[in-house]
Protein backbone atom coordinates (compact mmCIF):
# COMPACT_ATOMS: atom_id res chain seq x y z
CA TYR A 1 -12.69 -8.36 -36.96
CA GLY A 2 -16.01 -6.79 -35.73
CA VAL A 3 -16.70 -10.02 -33.22
CA ILE A 4 -17.33 -9.74 -29.61
CA LEU A 5 -17.18 -12.61 -27.05
CA TYR A 6 -19.04 -12.03 -23.83
CA GLN A 7 -17.86 -13.63 -20.63
CA GLU A 8 -20.84 -15.72 -20.31
CA GLN A 9 -20.20 -17.15 -23.91
CA VAL A 10 -16.54 -17.85 -23.01
CA MET A 11 -17.67 -19.94 -20.01
CA GLN A 12 -20.00 -21.91 -22.22
CA ILE A 13 -17.36 -22.50 -24.93
CA ALA A 14 -14.95 -23.74 -22.32
CA GLN A 15 -17.68 -26.25 -20.84
CA VAL A 16 -18.82 -27.49 -24.29
CA LEU A 17 -15.65 -27.60 -26.18
CA ALA A 18 -13.09 -28.41 -23.45
CA GLY A 19 -14.98 -30.06 -20.77
CA TYR A 20 -14.52 -27.34 -18.20
CA THR A 21 -16.47 -27.59 -15.15
CA LEU A 22 -18.54 -24.72 -14.15
CA GLY A 23 -15.97 -23.62 -11.49
CA ALA A 24 -12.98 -24.11 -13.84
CA ALA A 25 -14.84 -22.00 -16.40
CA ASP A 26 -15.14 -19.22 -14.01
CA LEU A 27 -11.43 -19.18 -13.34
CA LEU A 28 -10.92 -18.76 -17.10
CA ARG A 29 -13.54 -15.98 -16.93
CA ARG A 30 -11.66 -14.16 -14.27
CA ALA A 31 -8.37 -14.38 -16.07
CA MET A 32 -10.04 -12.88 -19.04
CA GLY A 33 -11.89 -10.32 -16.97
CA LYS A 34 -8.42 -9.20 -15.53
CA LYS A 35 -7.12 -8.87 -19.07
CA LYS A 36 -3.67 -10.59 -17.95
CA PRO A 37 -2.12 -12.52 -20.76
CA GLU A 38 0.04 -14.41 -18.48
CA GLU A 39 -3.17 -15.86 -16.78
CA MET A 40 -4.44 -16.78 -20.21
CA ALA A 41 -1.22 -18.49 -21.16
CA LYS A 42 -1.70 -20.77 -18.24
CA GLN A 43 -5.24 -21.79 -19.39
CA ARG A 44 -4.18 -22.61 -22.87
CA SER A 45 -2.64 -25.91 -22.27
CA ILE A 46 -5.87 -26.85 -20.06
CA PHE A 47 -8.11 -25.79 -22.87
CA MET A 48 -6.14 -27.47 -25.58
CA GLU A 49 -5.93 -30.72 -23.80
CA GLY A 50 -9.79 -30.85 -22.81
CA ALA A 51 -10.86 -29.72 -26.50
CA VAL A 52 -8.72 -32.59 -28.06
CA ALA A 53 -9.89 -35.11 -25.63
CA ASN A 54 -13.52 -33.99 -26.84
CA GLY A 55 -12.83 -34.56 -30.69
CA VAL A 56 -11.95 -31.01 -31.62
CA SER A 57 -9.29 -30.88 -33.82
CA GLU A 58 -6.03 -29.06 -32.51
CA ALA A 59 -6.27 -26.27 -35.26
CA VAL A 60 -9.75 -25.41 -34.42
CA ALA A 61 -9.20 -25.48 -30.77
CA THR A 62 -6.18 -23.28 -31.18
CA GLY A 63 -8.10 -20.75 -33.36
CA ILE A 64 -10.84 -20.43 -30.74
CA PHE A 65 -8.58 -20.01 -27.77
CA ASP A 66 -6.69 -17.38 -29.89
CA LEU A 67 -10.07 -15.52 -30.26
CA MET A 68 -10.66 -15.79 -26.58
CA GLU A 69 -7.14 -14.55 -25.66
CA LYS A 70 -7.55 -11.72 -28.03
CA PHE A 71 -10.45 -10.67 -26.46
CA ALA A 72 -8.83 -10.82 -22.96
CA GLY A 73 -6.56 -8.19 -24.21
CA TYR A 74 -9.50 -5.94 -24.64
CA GLY A 75 -12.31 -6.68 -27.35
CA PHE A 76 -15.29 -4.62 -28.40
CA ASN A 77 -17.43 -4.78 -31.30
CA LYS A 78 -17.52 -2.11 -33.85
CA SER A 79 -20.48 0.01 -32.28
CA HIS A 80 -19.08 -0.28 -28.97
CA SER A 81 -15.58 1.03 -29.92
CA ALA A 82 -17.33 3.82 -32.05
CA ALA A 83 -19.13 5.08 -29.04
CA TYR A 84 -15.94 5.14 -26.91
CA ALA A 85 -13.99 6.73 -29.61
CA LEU A 86 -16.49 9.33 -29.99
CA LEU A 87 -16.65 10.16 -26.28
CA ALA A 88 -12.98 10.06 -26.00
CA TYR A 89 -12.73 12.70 -28.91
CA GLN A 90 -15.39 14.99 -27.32
CA THR A 91 -13.86 14.81 -23.76
CA ALA A 92 -10.30 15.44 -25.02
CA TRP A 93 -11.65 18.49 -27.00
CA LEU A 94 -13.29 19.94 -23.94
CA LYS A 95 -10.26 19.26 -21.76
CA ALA A 96 -7.93 21.04 -24.38
CA HIS A 97 -9.98 24.07 -24.96
CA TYR A 98 -12.14 24.52 -21.76
CA PRO A 99 -9.65 23.03 -19.32
CA ALA A 100 -11.12 24.76 -15.88
CA ALA A 101 -14.56 23.97 -16.98
CA PHE A 102 -13.67 20.32 -17.80
CA MET A 103 -11.78 19.69 -14.57
CA ALA A 104 -14.60 21.41 -12.45
CA ALA A 105 -17.27 19.18 -14.06
CA VAL A 106 -15.05 15.95 -13.42
CA LEU A 107 -14.36 16.96 -9.76
CA SER A 108 -17.81 17.58 -9.19
CA SER A 109 -18.87 14.25 -10.45
CA ASP A 110 -16.64 12.32 -7.92
CA MET A 111 -17.14 14.84 -4.88
CA ASP A 112 -17.92 11.72 -2.70
CA ASN A 113 -14.75 9.77 -3.73
CA THR A 114 -11.73 10.99 -1.79
CA ASP A 115 -9.28 8.82 -3.62
CA LYS A 116 -10.26 10.06 -6.92
CA ILE A 117 -10.21 13.74 -5.94
CA VAL A 118 -6.72 13.34 -4.71
CA THR A 119 -5.74 12.05 -8.22
CA LEU A 120 -7.65 14.87 -9.96
CA ARG A 121 -6.21 17.56 -7.96
CA GLU A 122 -2.74 16.50 -9.15
CA GLU A 123 -4.01 16.52 -12.68
CA VAL A 124 -5.44 20.09 -11.96
CA LYS A 125 -1.95 21.14 -10.88
CA ARG A 126 -0.31 19.29 -13.65
CA MET A 127 -2.56 21.42 -16.06
CA GLY A 128 -1.37 24.55 -14.49
CA LEU A 129 -4.84 25.39 -13.00
CA ALA A 130 -5.45 26.83 -9.50
CA LEU A 131 -7.72 25.07 -7.04
CA LEU A 132 -9.00 27.66 -4.56
CA PRO A 133 -10.15 26.53 -1.01
CA PRO A 134 -13.93 26.57 -0.21
CA ALA A 135 -15.30 29.73 1.06
CA VAL A 136 -18.80 30.47 2.28
CA ASN A 137 -18.79 33.80 0.38
CA GLU A 138 -17.67 32.44 -3.03
CA SER A 139 -18.19 28.68 -3.11
CA ALA A 140 -21.20 26.84 -4.81
CA TYR A 141 -22.16 23.46 -3.81
CA LYS A 142 -20.31 21.97 -6.60
CA PHE A 143 -16.96 22.98 -7.84
CA THR A 144 -17.03 26.09 -9.97
CA VAL A 145 -15.10 27.86 -12.76
CA VAL A 146 -13.66 31.25 -11.54
CA ASP A 147 -11.90 31.97 -14.79
CA LYS A 148 -10.09 29.90 -17.41
CA ASP A 149 -7.25 29.08 -15.07
CA THR A 150 -9.04 28.66 -11.83
CA ILE A 151 -11.51 26.47 -9.94
CA ARG A 152 -13.25 27.07 -6.76
CA PHE A 153 -13.79 24.10 -4.33
CA GLY A 154 -17.37 23.15 -3.68
CA LEU A 155 -19.00 23.28 -0.30
CA GLY A 156 -20.56 19.86 -1.02
CA ALA A 157 -17.12 18.18 -0.94
CA ILE A 158 -16.69 19.17 2.75
CA LYS A 159 -17.36 16.09 4.92
CA GLY A 160 -19.79 16.59 7.92
CA VAL A 161 -21.65 19.56 6.03
CA GLY A 162 -24.99 18.31 4.62
CA SER A 163 -26.85 19.45 1.45
CA SER A 164 -29.57 21.00 3.62
CA ALA A 165 -26.93 23.19 5.52
CA ILE A 166 -25.30 24.20 2.33
CA GLU A 167 -28.64 25.29 0.63
CA ASN A 168 -29.67 27.35 3.59
CA ILE A 169 -26.01 29.21 3.38
CA LEU A 170 -26.16 29.64 -0.29
CA GLU A 171 -30.01 30.97 -0.16
CA GLU A 172 -29.09 33.41 2.61
CA ARG A 173 -26.01 34.77 0.79
CA GLU A 174 -27.97 35.12 -2.37
CA GLN A 175 -30.95 37.10 -0.67
CA ASN A 176 -28.85 39.05 1.71
CA GLY A 177 -25.30 39.51 0.40
CA PRO A 178 -22.06 38.23 1.56
CA PHE A 179 -21.31 37.30 5.37
CA GLN A 180 -19.16 39.95 7.20
CA ASP A 181 -17.97 37.71 10.18
CA LEU A 182 -18.65 34.56 12.06
CA PHE A 183 -21.04 36.02 14.20
CA GLY A 184 -23.21 37.36 11.18
CA LEU A 185 -22.91 33.92 9.61
CA CYS A 186 -24.21 32.26 12.78
CA ARG A 187 -26.99 34.85 13.20
CA ARG A 188 -28.25 34.81 9.50
CA ILE A 189 -28.54 31.04 8.84
CA ASP A 190 -30.86 28.45 10.31
CA THR A 191 -28.76 26.96 13.06
CA ARG A 192 -31.22 23.77 13.01
CA ARG A 193 -29.93 23.09 9.49
CA ALA A 194 -26.46 24.25 10.07
CA ASN A 195 -25.56 23.20 13.46
CA LYS A 196 -22.49 23.52 15.69
CA ARG A 197 -20.97 20.36 14.04
CA VAL A 198 -21.45 21.92 10.57
CA MET A 199 -19.94 25.11 11.59
CA GLU A 200 -16.92 23.42 13.20
CA ALA A 201 -16.33 21.58 9.94
CA LEU A 202 -16.61 24.97 7.85
CA ILE A 203 -13.95 26.56 10.20
CA ARG A 204 -11.55 23.57 10.04
CA SER A 205 -11.92 23.20 6.18
CA GLY A 206 -10.78 26.82 5.83
CA ALA A 207 -14.34 27.73 4.21
CA VAL A 208 -14.76 30.65 6.72
CA ASP A 209 -11.13 31.91 6.69
CA ASP A 210 -12.27 35.61 5.73
CA LEU A 211 -14.89 35.74 8.44
CA GLY A 212 -12.45 36.09 11.47
CA PRO A 213 -8.82 36.43 12.72
CA GLY A 214 -7.92 32.84 12.35
CA ARG A 215 -9.15 29.37 12.51
CA SER A 216 -8.29 28.66 16.21
CA ALA A 217 -9.69 31.95 17.37
CA MET A 218 -13.07 31.22 15.35
CA LEU A 219 -13.38 27.67 16.70
CA ALA A 220 -12.88 28.84 20.36
CA THR A 221 -15.29 31.70 19.76
CA LEU A 222 -18.00 29.43 17.99
CA GLU A 223 -19.96 28.39 21.10
CA ARG A 224 -20.54 32.08 22.04
CA ALA A 225 -21.35 32.98 18.41
CA MET A 226 -23.97 30.19 18.25
CA GLN A 227 -25.54 31.52 21.56
CA PHE A 228 -25.58 35.03 20.24
CA ALA A 229 -27.42 33.83 17.02
CA GLU A 230 -30.04 31.86 19.24
CA GLN A 231 -30.46 34.89 21.46
CA PHE A 232 -31.15 37.16 18.30
CA THR A 233 -33.50 34.71 16.94
CA ALA A 234 -35.44 34.46 20.07
CA ASN A 235 -35.67 38.35 20.12
CA SER A 236 -36.60 38.15 16.46
CA ASN A 237 -39.58 35.94 17.04
CA THR A 238 -40.82 38.15 19.77
CA GLY A 239 -40.04 41.58 18.14
CA GLN A 240 -37.94 42.53 21.20
CA ASP A 241 -34.35 44.51 21.20
CA ASP A 242 -31.83 42.97 23.43
CA MET A 243 -29.56 44.80 25.88
CA PHE A 244 -27.02 45.73 22.97
CA GLY A 245 -29.82 47.22 21.02
CA LEU A 246 -29.87 44.53 18.10
CA HIS A 247 -33.07 44.86 16.29
CA ALA A 248 -35.18 41.91 15.02
CA ALA A 249 -35.47 43.74 11.75
CA GLY A 250 -31.80 43.62 11.07
CA ALA A 251 -31.69 39.84 10.53
CA GLY A 252 -30.38 40.28 7.15
CA THR A 253 -27.48 42.83 7.89
CA GLU A 254 -24.39 42.82 9.88
CA ASP A 255 -24.54 44.79 13.06
CA SER A 256 -21.77 46.95 14.57
CA VAL A 257 -19.29 45.16 16.72
CA SER A 258 -20.52 44.54 20.13
CA PRO A 259 -18.84 43.15 23.30
CA GLU A 260 -20.42 39.83 22.56
CA SER A 261 -18.98 39.74 19.01
CA ARG A 262 -15.18 40.01 20.00
CA PHE A 263 -13.11 36.92 19.08
CA ALA A 264 -11.37 34.78 21.65
CA GLU A 265 -7.60 35.48 21.82
CA VAL A 266 -5.82 32.14 21.42
CA ARG A 267 -2.73 30.83 19.84
CA GLU A 268 -3.25 30.29 16.03
CA TRP A 269 -2.86 26.70 14.95
CA ASP A 270 0.69 25.71 13.58
CA GLU A 271 1.03 24.11 10.16
CA GLN A 272 0.50 20.70 11.43
CA GLU A 273 -2.71 21.32 13.07
CA ARG A 274 -4.03 23.36 10.23
CA LEU A 275 -3.33 20.46 7.94
CA ARG A 276 -5.02 18.13 10.31
CA GLY A 277 -8.20 20.21 10.24
CA GLU A 278 -8.27 20.15 6.45
CA LYS A 279 -7.56 16.40 6.35
CA ALA A 280 -10.49 15.74 8.65
CA THR A 281 -13.04 17.72 6.76
CA LEU A 282 -11.88 17.41 3.25
CA GLY A 283 -10.38 14.03 3.28
CA PHE A 284 -6.94 15.33 2.12
CA TYR A 285 -4.58 18.30 2.62
CA LEU A 286 -5.76 21.12 0.24
CA HIS A 287 -3.69 23.96 1.24
CA GLY A 288 -0.44 21.82 1.56
CA HIS A 289 0.63 18.30 2.81
CA PRO A 290 2.74 17.62 5.86
CA ILE A 291 5.20 15.32 3.49
CA THR A 292 6.33 18.60 1.68
CA PHE A 293 8.08 19.52 4.89
CA TYR A 294 10.40 16.17 4.40
CA GLU A 295 10.43 16.04 0.80
CA ASP A 296 14.08 17.48 0.22
CA GLU A 297 15.20 14.89 2.83
CA LEU A 298 13.27 12.20 1.45
CA LYS A 299 14.79 12.37 -1.92
CA ALA A 300 17.91 10.87 -0.44
CA ILE A 301 16.02 7.96 0.86
CA ILE A 302 13.17 7.02 -1.47
CA THR A 303 13.30 5.75 -5.05
CA THR A 304 10.18 7.29 -6.26
CA THR A 305 6.93 8.99 -5.50
CA LEU A 306 3.67 7.06 -5.32
CA ASN A 307 2.38 8.30 -8.76
CA ARG A 308 5.61 7.27 -10.49
CA VAL A 309 5.96 3.76 -9.21
CA VAL A 310 7.11 1.02 -11.81
CA ILE A 311 6.39 -2.57 -11.24
CA GLY A 312 9.13 -4.09 -9.25
CA ASN A 313 11.17 -3.23 -6.13
CA ALA A 314 10.96 0.21 -4.78
CA THR A 315 11.48 2.38 -1.60
CA ILE A 316 8.53 4.76 -1.05
CA ALA A 317 7.34 7.10 1.73
CA GLY A 318 3.99 8.16 2.82
CA TYR A 319 1.58 9.18 5.60
CA ILE A 320 -0.71 6.32 6.77
CA GLU A 321 -4.32 7.00 5.82
CA THR A 322 -6.02 3.92 6.76
CA ILE A 323 -5.24 0.51 8.58
CA ARG A 324 -7.07 -2.74 7.99
CA THR A 325 -6.29 -6.06 9.48
CA ARG A 326 -7.59 -9.33 8.64
CA PRO A 327 -6.81 -13.11 9.04
CA GLY A 328 -4.67 -14.81 6.66
CA ARG A 329 -3.21 -18.48 6.24
CA ARG A 330 -0.46 -17.94 8.48
CA GLY A 331 -1.85 -15.28 10.88
CA ARG A 332 -3.15 -11.85 10.80
CA MET A 333 -2.16 -9.41 8.08
CA ALA A 334 -2.59 -5.71 7.52
CA GLU A 335 -3.39 -3.37 4.42
CA ILE A 336 -2.50 0.13 4.76
CA CYS A 337 -3.27 3.03 2.49
CA LEU A 338 -0.39 5.37 2.08
CA ASP A 339 -0.40 9.14 0.78
CA ASP A 340 2.42 11.08 -0.30
CA ARG A 341 0.45 13.97 -1.96
CA THR A 342 1.02 12.77 -5.57
CA ALA A 343 -1.26 9.50 -4.95
CA ARG A 344 -2.43 6.99 -2.50
CA VAL A 345 -1.55 3.30 -2.67
CA TYR A 346 -2.50 0.22 -0.70
CA ALA A 347 0.43 -1.64 0.89
CA THR A 348 0.05 -5.28 2.19
CA LEU A 349 1.95 -6.48 5.32
CA PHE A 350 1.90 -10.43 5.13
CA PRO A 351 1.74 -12.04 8.67
CA GLU A 352 5.52 -12.16 9.46
CA THR A 353 5.89 -8.58 8.55
CA TYR A 354 2.66 -7.43 10.25
CA GLN A 355 3.83 -8.94 13.44
CA GLN A 356 7.48 -7.33 13.08
CA TYR A 357 6.19 -3.73 12.48
CA ARG A 358 2.65 -3.80 14.01
CA ASN A 359 3.48 -1.21 16.55
CA MET A 360 4.53 1.24 13.79
CA LEU A 361 1.10 1.23 12.22
CA HIS A 362 -0.60 4.40 13.26
CA LYS A 363 -2.79 6.75 11.24
CA ASP A 364 -1.31 10.04 9.97
CA ARG A 365 2.26 8.73 10.74
CA LEU A 366 5.08 8.99 8.14
CA VAL A 367 6.70 5.60 7.27
CA ILE A 368 9.20 4.61 4.66
CA ALA A 369 8.61 1.18 3.13
CA THR A 370 10.81 -1.27 1.15
CA GLY A 371 9.19 -3.82 -1.02
CA GLU A 372 7.69 -4.68 -4.44
CA ALA A 373 5.02 -3.11 -6.56
CA VAL A 374 2.86 -5.68 -7.97
CA GLU A 375 0.33 -4.98 -11.03
CA ASP A 376 -3.27 -4.85 -9.58
CA ASP A 377 -6.20 -3.75 -11.60
CA TYR A 378 -8.26 -3.54 -8.78
CA TYR A 379 -7.02 -0.12 -7.71
CA GLU A 380 -7.17 2.81 -10.03
CA ILE A 381 -3.57 3.60 -9.77
CA GLY A 382 -2.61 0.06 -11.19
CA TYR A 383 -0.66 -1.43 -8.59
CA SER A 384 -0.54 -2.54 -5.05
CA PHE A 385 2.44 -2.93 -2.76
CA ARG A 386 4.05 -5.54 -0.82
CA VAL A 387 5.84 -4.30 2.24
CA GLN A 388 9.10 -6.19 3.10
CA ARG A 389 10.44 -3.62 5.65
CA LEU A 390 9.26 -0.55 7.40
CA PHE A 391 11.00 2.42 8.88
CA SER A 392 10.47 5.58 10.77
CA LEU A 393 12.38 8.60 9.48
CA ASP A 394 14.20 8.87 12.84
CA GLU A 395 15.39 5.41 12.44
CA ILE A 396 16.91 6.00 8.94
CA ARG A 397 18.31 9.52 10.28
CA ASN A 398 20.08 7.79 13.17
CA ALA A 399 21.43 4.96 11.04
CA CYS A 400 22.61 6.86 7.87
CA GLY A 401 22.38 10.71 8.69
CA ASP A 402 24.86 13.59 9.68
CA LEU A 403 23.44 16.47 10.97
CA VAL A 404 24.90 19.58 9.18
CA LEU A 405 24.66 23.25 10.60
CA TYR A 406 25.75 26.03 8.61
CA LEU A 407 27.04 28.96 10.68
CA SER A 408 26.95 32.11 8.87
CA GLU A 409 29.19 35.08 10.00
CA GLU A 410 25.98 36.91 11.38
CA ALA A 411 25.07 34.06 13.53
CA MET A 412 28.60 33.96 14.72
CA GLN A 413 28.53 37.49 15.56
CA ALA A 414 25.13 37.35 17.35
CA GLY A 415 26.62 34.69 19.60
CA LEU A 416 24.43 31.76 18.73
CA LEU A 417 27.10 29.10 19.04
CA ASP A 418 26.23 28.87 22.79
CA GLY A 419 22.71 28.32 21.92
CA VAL A 420 23.79 25.51 19.40
CA LYS A 421 25.87 23.81 21.98
CA GLN A 422 23.24 24.02 24.59
CA ILE A 423 20.62 22.29 22.10
CA LEU A 424 23.05 19.76 21.04
CA GLU A 425 23.89 18.76 24.74
CA SER A 426 20.31 18.05 25.23
CA HIS A 427 20.08 15.52 22.39
CA LYS A 428 23.17 13.55 22.91
CA GLY A 429 23.54 10.26 20.77
CA ALA A 430 25.71 8.57 18.20
CA ARG A 431 25.49 10.55 14.93
CA PRO A 432 28.08 12.98 13.85
CA VAL A 433 27.60 16.81 13.71
CA VAL A 434 29.29 18.72 10.90
CA PHE A 435 29.77 22.65 11.04
CA GLU A 436 29.84 24.57 7.97
CA TYR A 437 31.22 28.12 8.06
CA SER A 438 32.06 30.44 5.36
CA ARG A 439 33.80 33.97 5.58
CA ASP A 440 35.29 36.22 3.19
CA GLY A 441 34.64 33.84 0.44
CA VAL A 442 36.43 30.98 2.25
CA SER A 443 34.30 27.91 3.42
CA ALA A 444 35.35 25.05 5.87
CA ALA A 445 33.76 22.17 7.30
CA ILE A 446 34.36 20.84 10.79
CA THR A 447 33.50 17.62 12.43
CA PRO A 448 33.93 17.82 16.27
CA GLY A 449 34.67 14.95 18.58
CA GLN A 450 32.65 12.13 19.82
CA SER A 451 31.28 14.42 22.79
CA TRP A 452 29.19 16.35 20.11
CA ARG A 453 27.54 13.48 18.80
CA VAL A 454 23.66 13.61 18.81
CA ASP A 455 20.42 11.71 18.57
CA ILE A 456 18.54 13.04 15.54
CA ASN A 457 14.74 13.71 16.01
CA GLU A 458 12.34 16.25 15.14
CA LYS A 459 12.56 18.12 18.59
CA LEU A 460 16.41 18.75 17.90
CA LEU A 461 15.85 19.75 14.32
CA GLU A 462 12.93 22.05 15.18
CA ASP A 463 14.89 23.87 18.02
CA MET A 464 17.87 24.10 15.78
CA ARG A 465 15.94 25.62 12.89
CA GLU A 466 14.26 28.07 15.20
CA LEU A 467 17.63 29.43 16.26
CA LEU A 468 19.65 29.21 12.83
CA GLY A 469 16.95 29.34 10.23
CA ARG A 470 15.52 26.37 8.21
CA ASP A 471 18.04 26.66 5.45
CA SER A 472 20.90 26.34 7.82
CA VAL A 473 19.88 22.89 9.09
CA LYS A 474 20.01 19.86 6.94
CA ILE A 475 20.76 16.20 7.19
CA GLU A 476 23.21 14.37 4.88
CA TYR A 477 22.74 10.72 4.17
CA ARG A 478 25.49 7.92 3.64
CA ASP A 479 24.96 4.27 2.51
CA VAL A 480 21.06 4.71 2.90
CA ARG A 481 20.43 1.79 0.20
CA ARG A 482 22.57 -0.55 2.00
CA PHE A 483 20.89 0.04 5.13
CA LEU A 484 17.43 -0.21 3.65
CA HIS A 485 18.06 -3.38 1.91
CA HIS A 486 20.72 -5.29 3.42
CA GLN A 487 20.44 -4.53 7.21
CA PRO A 488 19.60 -7.53 9.51
CA VAL A 489 15.95 -8.11 10.05
CA LEU A 490 15.28 -7.19 13.53
CA ASN A 491 12.29 -7.51 15.84
CA LYS A 492 10.50 -4.04 16.14
CA ALA A 493 7.58 -5.09 18.12
CA SER A 494 8.48 -2.72 20.96
CA GLY A 495 8.14 0.13 18.60
CA LEU A 496 10.32 3.00 17.21
CA ASN A 497 10.60 6.73 17.56
């Protein structure tokens, strides 16, 4: 009680009492450092045999090793434990009574650690707090408290936007008020500190959403806005008026809309494009996650989300964040980072598995993996994943899925059946199609013959949802578990859909 053994002392004890070499003592130190009792159990017999051989009684050797094993479970002296206890009490009290302020501070302390921000964002959501997006007219450099239930994203957490640019934006906003549009923002800031690349990052992150008609329009207009700002700065320096009557003295105010400040008319980004922009600048998807579009479907396939994995066999899904290959004993292997919105996990493909699925490994691709979760203290989530098989969603759809289409009475009256048939004919394949129809409280399900069978893919589903509505198109799965875990292992080096 009240005794602490430092790792260096453990190595010395092992060498002196049990005859360990320096290398063997370091292995014992590692086992203790990882706090894995099973590793310590392997060392017990080695230690006891060496100690007895050195003339130490078995009882004394047992007592000493028991003490070291207790430390491997986590050992502190009293002063160390008291300090941790006090700190834990203080932070728990702050989190309970000032949740928004506490989480804003924690997020700010880990602004450069994207993996940690992902985990903290989920905790923010679990606590019932709102995390507002970055905004040049509202955000500070760090995460800030809006009210007791709301946190505002900090500009300093946007990738590609340096501290100098942020300081310039905040100083100008403080001195001359909020920015009215993209042209005013470009004109009022120092474009040497906040250059075009910085502005692009702000647009893609959503930080200037209230300064223009949409992100795609602002990005398409940015070049002209920057040129307009440079012209205005040049005129300000010489005291001249330009052809549109913009006065040098108006540097801190917004001017009336001129022909130069009209935004480009372009198609607004779809959901996937918007999310990719957020991912590139924030490191993750703030306003959503592409996997949410498939969550209902994935419930029939996976056994757990990444934040709820328990040690053992599992089927998981996620978007590939990073891919890293390295040489192994039997060939090249790969480590991929998967993200499913709830957490990130690192998954290993050993050489045979890597060779089999290497053509499926592409960043920002959704994959489903079967394998084993193993305890791994190196990662904050507490485990890593060993991949046994890897699948694309379309592969599972076309092995186990039936396409189910709900035809409402309104759809039938509108003559949409011809459109349905046309779409199905352009995606012929092997999977059944089931039509569900209800009228006057009577429901029926019809499965047409072989000529109606289809290849289920994203284009087919997108076209059908556009015609019938999202809620009228779904996939029902059969025998998914058997397919995932008992199918013959095929060579997929040629790639999959």
